[in-house]
């Protein structure tokens, strides 16, 4: 998705990619932390 926004070569595409990068950094990290909690609870 991020590469798509960059590949468009437009301000709108780059802006959407930047927002999506910020979103994905946060959400993907959160899911891996949650996976760590699952591993701790379930082994």
ModelCIF file with pLDDT and N, C-alpha, C, O atoms, coordinates in Angstrom:
data_MODEL
#
_entry.id   MODEL 
#
_entity.id                         1 
_entity.type                       polymer 
_entity.pdbx_number_of_molecules   1 
#
_entity_poly.entity_id                      1 
_entity_poly.type                           'polypeptide(L)' 
_entity_poly.nstd_linkage                   no 
_entity_poly.nstd_monomer                   no 
_entity_poly.pdbx_seq_one_letter_code       
;(UNK)(UNK)(UNK)(UNK)(UNK)(UNK)(UNK)(UNK)(UNK)(UNK)(UNK)(UNK)(UNK)(UNK)(UNK)(UNK)
(UNK)(UNK)(UNK)(UNK)(UNK)(UNK)(UNK)(UNK)(UNK)(UNK)(UNK)(UNK)(UNK)(UNK)(UNK)(UNK)
(UNK)(UNK)(UNK)(UNK)(UNK)(UNK)(UNK)(UNK)(UNK)(UNK)(UNK)
;
_entity_poly.pdbx_seq_one_letter_code_can   XXXXXXXXXXXXXXXXXXXXXXXXXXXXXXXXXXXXXXXXXXX 
_entity_poly.pdbx_strand_id                 A 
#
loop_
_entity_poly_seq.entity_id 
_entity_poly_seq.num 
_entity_poly_seq.mon_id 
_entity_poly_seq.hetero 
1 1  UNK n 
1 2  UNK n 
1 3  UNK n 
1 4  UNK n 
1 5  UNK n 
1 6  UNK n 
1 7  UNK n 
1 8  UNK n 
1 9  UNK n 
1 10 UNK n 
1 11 UNK n 
1 12 UNK n 
1 13 UNK n 
1 14 UNK n 
1 15 UNK n 
1 16 UNK n 
1 17 UNK n 
1 18 UNK n 
1 19 UNK n 
1 20 UNK n 
1 21 UNK n 
1 22 UNK n 
1 23 UNK n 
1 24 UNK n 
1 25 UNK n 
1 26 UNK n 
1 27 UNK n 
1 28 UNK n 
1 29 UNK n 
1 30 UNK n 
1 31 UNK n 
1 32 UNK n 
1 33 UNK n 
1 34 UNK n 
1 35 UNK n 
1 36 UNK n 
1 37 UNK n 
1 38 UNK n 
1 39 UNK n 
1 40 UNK n 
1 41 UNK n 
1 42 UNK n 
1 43 UNK n 
#
_struct_asym.id          A 
_struct_asym.entity_id   1 
#
loop_
_ma_qa_metric.id 
_ma_qa_metric.mode 
_ma_qa_metric.name 
_ma_qa_metric.software_group_id 
_ma_qa_metric.type 
1 global pLDDT . pLDDT 
2 local  pLDDT . pLDDT 
#
_ma_qa_metric_global.metric_id      1 
_ma_qa_metric_global.metric_value   92.44 
_ma_qa_metric_global.model_id       1 
_ma_qa_metric_global.ordinal_id     1 
#
loop_
_ma_qa_metric_local.label_asym_id 
_ma_qa_metric_local.label_comp_id 
_ma_qa_metric_local.label_seq_id 
_ma_qa_metric_local.metric_id 
_ma_qa_metric_local.metric_value 
_ma_qa_metric_local.model_id 
_ma_qa_metric_local.ordinal_id 
A UNK 1  2 94.00 1 1  
A UNK 2  2 94.00 1 2  
A UNK 3  2 95.00 1 3  
A UNK 4  2 94.00 1 4  
A UNK 5  2 93.00 1 5  
A UNK 6  2 93.00 1 6  
A UNK 7  2 93.00 1 7  
A UNK 8  2 92.00 1 8  
A UNK 9  2 88.00 1 9  
A UNK 10 2 91.00 1 10 
A UNK 11 2 92.00 1 11 
A UNK 12 2 93.00 1 12 
A UNK 13 2 93.00 1 13 
A UNK 14 2 93.00 1 14 
A UNK 15 2 94.00 1 15 
A UNK 16 2 95.00 1 16 
A UNK 17 2 95.00 1 17 
A UNK 18 2 95.00 1 18 
A UNK 19 2 96.00 1 19 
A UNK 20 2 95.00 1 20 
A UNK 21 2 95.00 1 21 
A UNK 22 2 95.00 1 22 
A UNK 23 2 95.00 1 23 
A UNK 24 2 95.00 1 24 
A UNK 25 2 95.00 1 25 
A UNK 26 2 95.00 1 26 
A UNK 27 2 95.00 1 27 
A UNK 28 2 94.00 1 28 
A UNK 29 2 94.00 1 29 
A UNK 30 2 95.00 1 30 
A UNK 31 2 94.00 1 31 
A UNK 32 2 93.00 1 32 
A UNK 33 2 94.00 1 33 
A UNK 34 2 93.00 1 34 
A UNK 35 2 92.00 1 35 
A UNK 36 2 90.00 1 36 
A UNK 37 2 91.00 1 37 
A UNK 38 2 91.00 1 38 
A UNK 39 2 88.00 1 39 
A UNK 40 2 86.00 1 40 
A UNK 41 2 84.00 1 41 
A UNK 42 2 83.00 1 42 
A UNK 43 2 80.00 1 43 
#
loop_
_atom_site.group_PDB 
_atom_site.id 
_atom_site.type_symbol 
_atom_site.label_atom_id 
_atom_site.label_alt_id 
_atom_site.label_comp_id 
_atom_site.label_asym_id 
_atom_site.label_entity_id 
_atom_site.label_seq_id 
_atom_site.pdbx_PDB_ins_code 
_atom_site.Cartn_x 
_atom_site.Cartn_y 
_atom_site.Cartn_z 
_atom_site.occupancy 
_atom_site.B_iso_or_equiv 
_atom_site.pdbx_formal_charge 
_atom_site.auth_seq_id 
_atom_site.auth_comp_id 
_atom_site.auth_asym_id 
_atom_site.auth_atom_id 
_atom_site.pdbx_PDB_model_num 
ATOM 1   N N  . UNK A 1 1  ? 0.832  -1.206  0.000  1.00 94.00 ? 1  UNK A N  1 
ATOM 2   C CA . UNK A 1 1  ? 0.000  0.000   0.000  1.00 94.00 ? 1  UNK A CA 1 
ATOM 3   C C  . UNK A 1 1  ? 0.867  1.257   0.000  1.00 94.00 ? 1  UNK A C  1 
ATOM 4   O O  . UNK A 1 1  ? 0.576  2.219   -0.710 1.00 94.00 ? 1  UNK A O  1 
ATOM 5   N N  . UNK A 1 2  ? 1.933  1.243   0.800  1.00 94.00 ? 2  UNK A N  1 
ATOM 6   C CA . UNK A 1 2  ? 2.798  2.413   0.888  1.00 94.00 ? 2  UNK A CA 1 
ATOM 7   C C  . UNK A 1 2  ? 3.528  2.663   -0.428 1.00 94.00 ? 2  UNK A C  1 
ATOM 8   O O  . UNK A 1 2  ? 3.639  3.802   -0.881 1.00 94.00 ? 2  UNK A O  1 
ATOM 9   N N  . UNK A 1 3  ? 4.028  1.578   -1.040 1.00 95.00 ? 3  UNK A N  1 
ATOM 10  C CA . UNK A 1 3  ? 4.721  1.719   -2.321 1.00 95.00 ? 3  UNK A CA 1 
ATOM 11  C C  . UNK A 1 3  ? 3.759  2.218   -3.381 1.00 95.00 ? 3  UNK A C  1 
ATOM 12  O O  . UNK A 1 3  ? 4.153  2.986   -4.258 1.00 95.00 ? 3  UNK A O  1 
ATOM 13  N N  . UNK A 1 4  ? 2.495  1.794   -3.318 1.00 94.00 ? 4  UNK A N  1 
ATOM 14  C CA . UNK A 1 4  ? 1.485  2.289   -4.258 1.00 94.00 ? 4  UNK A CA 1 
ATOM 15  C C  . UNK A 1 4  ? 1.358  3.805   -4.172 1.00 94.00 ? 4  UNK A C  1 
ATOM 16  O O  . UNK A 1 4  ? 1.351  4.487   -5.196 1.00 94.00 ? 4  UNK A O  1 
ATOM 17  N N  . UNK A 1 5  ? 1.259  4.331   -2.958 1.00 93.00 ? 5  UNK A N  1 
ATOM 18  C CA . UNK A 1 5  ? 1.126  5.775   -2.798 1.00 93.00 ? 5  UNK A CA 1 
ATOM 19  C C  . UNK A 1 5  ? 2.310  6.529   -3.364 1.00 93.00 ? 5  UNK A C  1 
ATOM 20  O O  . UNK A 1 5  ? 2.146  7.583   -3.979 1.00 93.00 ? 5  UNK A O  1 
ATOM 21  N N  . UNK A 1 6  ? 3.518  5.988   -3.156 1.00 93.00 ? 6  UNK A N  1 
ATOM 22  C CA . UNK A 1 6  ? 4.724  6.637   -3.680 1.00 93.00 ? 6  UNK A CA 1 
ATOM 23  C C  . UNK A 1 6  ? 4.761  6.542   -5.200 1.00 93.00 ? 6  UNK A C  1 
ATOM 24  O O  . UNK A 1 6  ? 5.134  7.501   -5.876 1.00 93.00 ? 6  UNK A O  1 
ATOM 25  N N  . UNK A 1 7  ? 4.371  5.377   -5.744 1.00 93.00 ? 7  UNK A N  1 
ATOM 26  C CA . UNK A 1 7  ? 4.468  5.137   -7.183 1.00 93.00 ? 7  UNK A CA 1 
ATOM 27  C C  . UNK A 1 7  ? 3.535  6.023   -7.988 1.00 93.00 ? 7  UNK A C  1 
ATOM 28  O O  . UNK A 1 7  ? 3.776  6.241   -9.175 1.00 93.00 ? 7  UNK A O  1 
ATOM 29  N N  . UNK A 1 8  ? 2.476  6.539   -7.379 1.00 92.00 ? 8  UNK A N  1 
ATOM 30  C CA . UNK A 1 8  ? 1.550  7.413   -8.110 1.00 92.00 ? 8  UNK A CA 1 
ATOM 31  C C  . UNK A 1 8  ? 2.222  8.697   -8.570 1.00 92.00 ? 8  UNK A C  1 
ATOM 32  O O  . UNK A 1 8  ? 1.842  9.269   -9.591 1.00 92.00 ? 8  UNK A O  1 
ATOM 33  N N  . UNK A 1 9  ? 3.216  9.149   -7.820 1.00 88.00 ? 9  UNK A N  1 
ATOM 34  C CA . UNK A 1 9  ? 3.938  10.353  -8.210 1.00 88.00 ? 9  UNK A CA 1 
ATOM 35  C C  . UNK A 1 9  ? 3.137  11.634  -8.080 1.00 88.00 ? 9  UNK A C  1 
ATOM 36  O O  . UNK A 1 9  ? 3.434  12.620  -8.753 1.00 88.00 ? 9  UNK A O  1 
ATOM 37  N N  . UNK A 1 10 ? 2.113  11.634  -7.213 1.00 91.00 ? 10 UNK A N  1 
ATOM 38  C CA . UNK A 1 10 ? 1.275  12.821  -7.004 1.00 91.00 ? 10 UNK A CA 1 
ATOM 39  C C  . UNK A 1 10 ? 1.325  13.235  -5.537 1.00 91.00 ? 10 UNK A C  1 
ATOM 40  O O  . UNK A 1 10 ? 1.697  12.444  -4.670 1.00 91.00 ? 10 UNK A O  1 
ATOM 41  N N  . UNK A 1 11 ? 0.949  14.476  -5.275 1.00 92.00 ? 11 UNK A N  1 
ATOM 42  C CA . UNK A 1 11 ? 0.891  14.954  -3.889 1.00 92.00 ? 11 UNK A CA 1 
ATOM 43  C C  . UNK A 1 11 ? -0.112 14.131  -3.090 1.00 92.00 ? 11 UNK A C  1 
ATOM 44  O O  . UNK A 1 11 ? 0.146  13.772  -1.941 1.00 92.00 ? 11 UNK A O  1 
ATOM 45  N N  . UNK A 1 12 ? -1.257 13.833  -3.703 1.00 93.00 ? 12 UNK A N  1 
ATOM 46  C CA . UNK A 1 12 ? -2.295 13.073  -2.999 1.00 93.00 ? 12 UNK A CA 1 
ATOM 47  C C  . UNK A 1 12 ? -1.800 11.672  -2.644 1.00 93.00 ? 12 UNK A C  1 
ATOM 48  O O  . UNK A 1 12 ? -2.041 11.182  -1.541 1.00 93.00 ? 12 UNK A O  1 
ATOM 49  N N  . UNK A 1 13 ? -1.113 11.037  -3.581 1.00 93.00 ? 13 UNK A N  1 
ATOM 50  C CA . UNK A 1 13 ? -0.592 9.701   -3.317 1.00 93.00 ? 13 UNK A CA 1 
ATOM 51  C C  . UNK A 1 13 ? 0.467  9.696   -2.240 1.00 93.00 ? 13 UNK A C  1 
ATOM 52  O O  . UNK A 1 13 ? 0.463  8.831   -1.364 1.00 93.00 ? 13 UNK A O  1 
ATOM 53  N N  . UNK A 1 14 ? 1.387  10.667  -2.298 1.00 93.00 ? 14 UNK A N  1 
ATOM 54  C CA . UNK A 1 14 ? 2.440  10.747  -1.281 1.00 93.00 ? 14 UNK A CA 1 
ATOM 55  C C  . UNK A 1 14 ? 1.850  11.034  0.092  1.00 93.00 ? 14 UNK A C  1 
ATOM 56  O O  . UNK A 1 14 ? 2.278  10.444  1.084  1.00 93.00 ? 14 UNK A O  1 
ATOM 57  N N  . UNK A 1 15 ? 0.869  11.935  0.160  1.00 94.00 ? 15 UNK A N  1 
ATOM 58  C CA . UNK A 1 15 ? 0.218  12.267  1.432  1.00 94.00 ? 15 UNK A CA 1 
ATOM 59  C C  . UNK A 1 15 ? -0.469 11.040  2.026  1.00 94.00 ? 15 UNK A C  1 
ATOM 60  O O  . UNK A 1 15 ? -0.348 10.771  3.221  1.00 94.00 ? 15 UNK A O  1 
ATOM 61  N N  . UNK A 1 16 ? -1.192 10.295  1.185  1.00 95.00 ? 16 UNK A N  1 
ATOM 62  C CA . UNK A 1 16 ? -1.859 9.088   1.665  1.00 95.00 ? 16 UNK A CA 1 
ATOM 63  C C  . UNK A 1 16 ? -0.848 8.056   2.150  1.00 95.00 ? 16 UNK A C  1 
ATOM 64  O O  . UNK A 1 16 ? -1.078 7.379   3.152  1.00 95.00 ? 16 UNK A O  1 
ATOM 65  N N  . UNK A 1 17 ? 0.276  7.937   1.434  1.00 95.00 ? 17 UNK A N  1 
ATOM 66  C CA . UNK A 1 17 ? 1.319  6.998   1.852  1.00 95.00 ? 17 UNK A CA 1 
ATOM 67  C C  . UNK A 1 17 ? 1.914  7.397   3.197  1.00 95.00 ? 17 UNK A C  1 
ATOM 68  O O  . UNK A 1 17 ? 2.174  6.538   4.039  1.00 95.00 ? 17 UNK A O  1 
ATOM 69  N N  . UNK A 1 18 ? 2.130  8.687   3.404  1.00 95.00 ? 18 UNK A N  1 
ATOM 70  C CA . UNK A 1 18 ? 2.699  9.164   4.677  1.00 95.00 ? 18 UNK A CA 1 
ATOM 71  C C  . UNK A 1 18 ? 1.751  8.859   5.830  1.00 95.00 ? 18 UNK A C  1 
ATOM 72  O O  . UNK A 1 18 ? 2.177  8.369   6.876  1.00 95.00 ? 18 UNK A O  1 
ATOM 73  N N  . UNK A 1 19 ? 0.467  9.149   5.638  1.00 96.00 ? 19 UNK A N  1 
ATOM 74  C CA . UNK A 1 19 ? -0.508 8.830   6.687  1.00 96.00 ? 19 UNK A CA 1 
ATOM 75  C C  . UNK A 1 19 ? -0.539 7.337   6.944  1.00 96.00 ? 19 UNK A C  1 
ATOM 76  O O  . UNK A 1 19 ? -0.612 6.900   8.093  1.00 96.00 ? 19 UNK A O  1 
ATOM 77  N N  . UNK A 1 20 ? -0.482 6.545   5.865  1.00 95.00 ? 20 UNK A N  1 
ATOM 78  C CA . UNK A 1 20 ? -0.564 5.096   6.042  1.00 95.00 ? 20 UNK A CA 1 
ATOM 79  C C  . UNK A 1 20 ? 0.676  4.552   6.737  1.00 95.00 ? 20 UNK A C  1 
ATOM 80  O O  . UNK A 1 20 ? 0.581  3.593   7.502  1.00 95.00 ? 20 UNK A O  1 
ATOM 81  N N  . UNK A 1 21 ? 1.829  5.144   6.487  1.00 95.00 ? 21 UNK A N  1 
ATOM 82  C CA . UNK A 1 21 ? 3.048  4.718   7.186  1.00 95.00 ? 21 UNK A CA 1 
ATOM 83  C C  . UNK A 1 21 ? 2.903  4.948   8.680  1.00 95.00 ? 21 UNK A C  1 
ATOM 84  O O  . UNK A 1 21 ? 3.197  4.057   9.476  1.00 95.00 ? 21 UNK A O  1 
ATOM 85  N N  . UNK A 1 22 ? 2.449  6.145   9.073  1.00 95.00 ? 22 UNK A N  1 
ATOM 86  C CA . UNK A 1 22 ? 2.266  6.442   10.500 1.00 95.00 ? 22 UNK A CA 1 
ATOM 87  C C  . UNK A 1 22 ? 1.262  5.480   11.119 1.00 95.00 ? 22 UNK A C  1 
ATOM 88  O O  . UNK A 1 22 ? 1.492  4.958   12.210 1.00 95.00 ? 22 UNK A O  1 
ATOM 89  N N  . UNK A 1 23 ? 0.150  5.243   10.427 1.00 95.00 ? 23 UNK A N  1 
ATOM 90  C CA . UNK A 1 23 ? -0.854 4.288   10.917 1.00 95.00 ? 23 UNK A CA 1 
ATOM 91  C C  . UNK A 1 23 ? -0.253 2.897   11.074 1.00 95.00 ? 23 UNK A C  1 
ATOM 92  O O  . UNK A 1 23 ? -0.453 2.246   12.100 1.00 95.00 ? 23 UNK A O  1 
ATOM 93  N N  . UNK A 1 24 ? 0.485  2.436   10.061 1.00 95.00 ? 24 UNK A N  1 
ATOM 94  C CA . UNK A 1 24 ? 0.957  1.056   10.074 1.00 95.00 ? 24 UNK A CA 1 
ATOM 95  C C  . UNK A 1 24 ? 2.050  0.835   11.103 1.00 95.00 ? 24 UNK A C  1 
ATOM 96  O O  . UNK A 1 24 ? 2.107  -0.232  11.715 1.00 95.00 ? 24 UNK A O  1 
ATOM 97  N N  . UNK A 1 25 ? 2.917  1.812   11.307 1.00 95.00 ? 25 UNK A N  1 
ATOM 98  C CA . UNK A 1 25 ? 3.938  1.683   12.353 1.00 95.00 ? 25 UNK A CA 1 
ATOM 99  C C  . UNK A 1 25 ? 3.275  1.407   13.697 1.00 95.00 ? 25 UNK A C  1 
ATOM 100 O O  . UNK A 1 25 ? 3.698  0.520   14.437 1.00 95.00 ? 25 UNK A O  1 
ATOM 101 N N  . UNK A 1 26 ? 2.242  2.168   14.001 1.00 95.00 ? 26 UNK A N  1 
ATOM 102 C CA . UNK A 1 26 ? 1.567  2.034   15.296 1.00 95.00 ? 26 UNK A CA 1 
ATOM 103 C C  . UNK A 1 26 ? 0.790  0.729   15.391 1.00 95.00 ? 26 UNK A C  1 
ATOM 104 O O  . UNK A 1 26 ? 0.928  -0.003  16.372 1.00 95.00 ? 26 UNK A O  1 
ATOM 105 N N  . UNK A 1 27 ? -0.024 0.428   14.384 1.00 95.00 ? 27 UNK A N  1 
ATOM 106 C CA . UNK A 1 27 ? -0.918 -0.736  14.466 1.00 95.00 ? 27 UNK A CA 1 
ATOM 107 C C  . UNK A 1 27 ? -0.144 -2.042  14.386 1.00 95.00 ? 27 UNK A C  1 
ATOM 108 O O  . UNK A 1 27 ? -0.448 -2.982  15.121 1.00 95.00 ? 27 UNK A O  1 
ATOM 109 N N  . UNK A 1 28 ? 0.846  -2.120  13.510 1.00 94.00 ? 28 UNK A N  1 
ATOM 110 C CA . UNK A 1 28 ? 1.609  -3.368  13.390 1.00 94.00 ? 28 UNK A CA 1 
ATOM 111 C C  . UNK A 1 28 ? 2.396  -3.641  14.669 1.00 94.00 ? 28 UNK A C  1 
ATOM 112 O O  . UNK A 1 28 ? 2.469  -4.786  15.117 1.00 94.00 ? 28 UNK A O  1 
ATOM 113 N N  . UNK A 1 29 ? 2.979  -2.611  15.256 1.00 94.00 ? 29 UNK A N  1 
ATOM 114 C CA . UNK A 1 29 ? 3.677  -2.789  16.531 1.00 94.00 ? 29 UNK A CA 1 
ATOM 115 C C  . UNK A 1 29 ? 2.714  -3.270  17.604 1.00 94.00 ? 29 UNK A C  1 
ATOM 116 O O  . UNK A 1 29 ? 3.048  -4.165  18.381 1.00 94.00 ? 29 UNK A O  1 
ATOM 117 N N  . UNK A 1 30 ? 1.526  -2.685  17.655 1.00 95.00 ? 30 UNK A N  1 
ATOM 118 C CA . UNK A 1 30 ? 0.525  -3.066  18.649 1.00 95.00 ? 30 UNK A CA 1 
ATOM 119 C C  . UNK A 1 30 ? 0.144  -4.531  18.514 1.00 95.00 ? 30 UNK A C  1 
ATOM 120 O O  . UNK A 1 30 ? 0.023  -5.234  19.517 1.00 95.00 ? 30 UNK A O  1 
ATOM 121 N N  . UNK A 1 31 ? -0.045 -4.995  17.292 1.00 94.00 ? 31 UNK A N  1 
ATOM 122 C CA . UNK A 1 31 ? -0.427 -6.392  17.080 1.00 94.00 ? 31 UNK A CA 1 
ATOM 123 C C  . UNK A 1 31 ? 0.684  -7.346  17.507 1.00 94.00 ? 31 UNK A C  1 
ATOM 124 O O  . UNK A 1 31 ? 0.402  -8.408  18.063 1.00 94.00 ? 31 UNK A O  1 
ATOM 125 N N  . UNK A 1 32 ? 1.928  -6.988  17.259 1.00 93.00 ? 32 UNK A N  1 
ATOM 126 C CA . UNK A 1 32 ? 3.023  -7.861  17.700 1.00 93.00 ? 32 UNK A CA 1 
ATOM 127 C C  . UNK A 1 32 ? 3.160  -7.851  19.216 1.00 93.00 ? 32 UNK A C  1 
ATOM 128 O O  . UNK A 1 32 ? 3.499  -8.876  19.809 1.00 93.00 ? 32 UNK A O  1 
ATOM 129 N N  . UNK A 1 33 ? 2.905  -6.715  19.854 1.00 94.00 ? 33 UNK A N  1 
ATOM 130 C CA . UNK A 1 33 ? 2.894  -6.691  21.322 1.00 94.00 ? 33 UNK A CA 1 
ATOM 131 C C  . UNK A 1 33 ? 1.758  -7.557  21.846 1.00 94.00 ? 33 UNK A C  1 
ATOM 132 O O  . UNK A 1 33 ? 1.936  -8.288  22.821 1.00 94.00 ? 33 UNK A O  1 
ATOM 133 N N  . UNK A 1 34 ? 0.598  -7.484  21.212 1.00 93.00 ? 34 UNK A N  1 
ATOM 134 C CA . UNK A 1 34 ? -0.524 -8.335  21.613 1.00 93.00 ? 34 UNK A CA 1 
ATOM 135 C C  . UNK A 1 34 ? -0.180 -9.804  21.416 1.00 93.00 ? 34 UNK A C  1 
ATOM 136 O O  . UNK A 1 34 ? -0.570 -10.648 22.223 1.00 93.00 ? 34 UNK A O  1 
ATOM 137 N N  . UNK A 1 35 ? 0.552  -10.116 20.340 1.00 92.00 ? 35 UNK A N  1 
ATOM 138 C CA . UNK A 1 35 ? 0.999  -11.504 20.133 1.00 92.00 ? 35 UNK A CA 1 
ATOM 139 C C  . UNK A 1 35 ? 1.930  -11.951 21.245 1.00 92.00 ? 35 UNK A C  1 
ATOM 140 O O  . UNK A 1 35 ? 1.908  -13.115 21.646 1.00 92.00 ? 35 UNK A O  1 
ATOM 141 N N  . UNK A 1 36 ? 2.758  -11.022 21.753 1.00 90.00 ? 36 UNK A N  1 
ATOM 142 C CA . UNK A 1 36 ? 3.600  -11.347 22.901 1.00 90.00 ? 36 UNK A CA 1 
ATOM 143 C C  . UNK A 1 36 ? 2.787  -11.659 24.138 1.00 90.00 ? 36 UNK A C  1 
ATOM 144 O O  . UNK A 1 36 ? 3.141  -12.556 24.904 1.00 90.00 ? 36 UNK A O  1 
ATOM 145 N N  . UNK A 1 37 ? 1.693  -10.924 24.347 1.00 91.00 ? 37 UNK A N  1 
ATOM 146 C CA . UNK A 1 37 ? 0.802  -11.208 25.475 1.00 91.00 ? 37 UNK A CA 1 
ATOM 147 C C  . UNK A 1 37 ? 0.121  -12.563 25.302 1.00 91.00 ? 37 UNK A C  1 
ATOM 148 O O  . UNK A 1 37 ? -0.031 -13.310 26.268 1.00 91.00 ? 37 UNK A O  1 
ATOM 149 N N  . UNK A 1 38 ? -0.289 -12.879 24.078 1.00 91.00 ? 38 UNK A N  1 
ATOM 150 C CA . UNK A 1 38 ? -0.900 -14.183 23.816 1.00 91.00 ? 38 UNK A CA 1 
ATOM 151 C C  . UNK A 1 38 ? 0.082  -15.310 24.121 1.00 91.00 ? 38 UNK A C  1 
ATOM 152 O O  . UNK A 1 38 ? -0.273 -16.307 24.750 1.00 91.00 ? 38 UNK A O  1 
ATOM 153 N N  . UNK A 1 39 ? 1.311  -15.137 23.670 1.00 88.00 ? 39 UNK A N  1 
ATOM 154 C CA . UNK A 1 39 ? 2.328  -16.159 23.925 1.00 88.00 ? 39 UNK A CA 1 
ATOM 155 C C  . UNK A 1 39 ? 2.569  -16.346 25.415 1.00 88.00 ? 39 UNK A C  1 
ATOM 156 O O  . UNK A 1 39 ? 2.802  -17.459 25.886 1.00 88.00 ? 39 UNK A O  1 
ATOM 157 N N  . UNK A 1 40 ? 2.509  -15.253 26.137 1.00 86.00 ? 40 UNK A N  1 
ATOM 158 C CA . UNK A 1 40 ? 2.715  -15.348 27.585 1.00 86.00 ? 40 UNK A CA 1 
ATOM 159 C C  . UNK A 1 40 ? 1.548  -16.052 28.267 1.00 86.00 ? 40 UNK A C  1 
ATOM 160 O O  . UNK A 1 40 ? 1.745  -16.855 29.179 1.00 86.00 ? 40 UNK A O  1 
ATOM 161 N N  . UNK A 1 41 ? 0.339  -15.746 27.821 1.00 84.00 ? 41 UNK A N  1 
ATOM 162 C CA . UNK A 1 41 ? -0.848 -16.353 28.435 1.00 84.00 ? 41 UNK A CA 1 
ATOM 163 C C  . UNK A 1 41 ? -0.993 -17.828 28.072 1.00 84.00 ? 41 UNK A C  1 
ATOM 164 O O  . UNK A 1 41 ? -1.354 -18.649 28.915 1.00 84.00 ? 41 UNK A O  1 
ATOM 165 N N  . UNK A 1 42 ? -0.709 -18.160 26.808 1.00 83.00 ? 42 UNK A N  1 
ATOM 166 C CA . UNK A 1 42 ? -0.991 -19.510 26.315 1.00 83.00 ? 42 UNK A CA 1 
ATOM 167 C C  . UNK A 1 42 ? 0.245  -20.381 26.170 1.00 83.00 ? 42 UNK A C  1 
ATOM 168 O O  . UNK A 1 42 ? 0.130  -21.595 26.000 1.00 83.00 ? 42 UNK A O  1 
ATOM 169 N N  . UNK A 1 43 ? 1.429  -19.776 26.234 1.00 80.00 ? 43 UNK A N  1 
ATOM 170 C CA . UNK A 1 43 ? 2.651  -20.554 26.080 1.00 80.00 ? 43 UNK A CA 1 
ATOM 171 C C  . UNK A 1 43 ? 2.980  -20.893 24.643 1.00 80.00 ? 43 UNK A C  1 
ATOM 172 O O  . UNK A 1 43 ? 3.989  -21.548 24.379 1.00 80.00 ? 43 UNK A O  1 
#
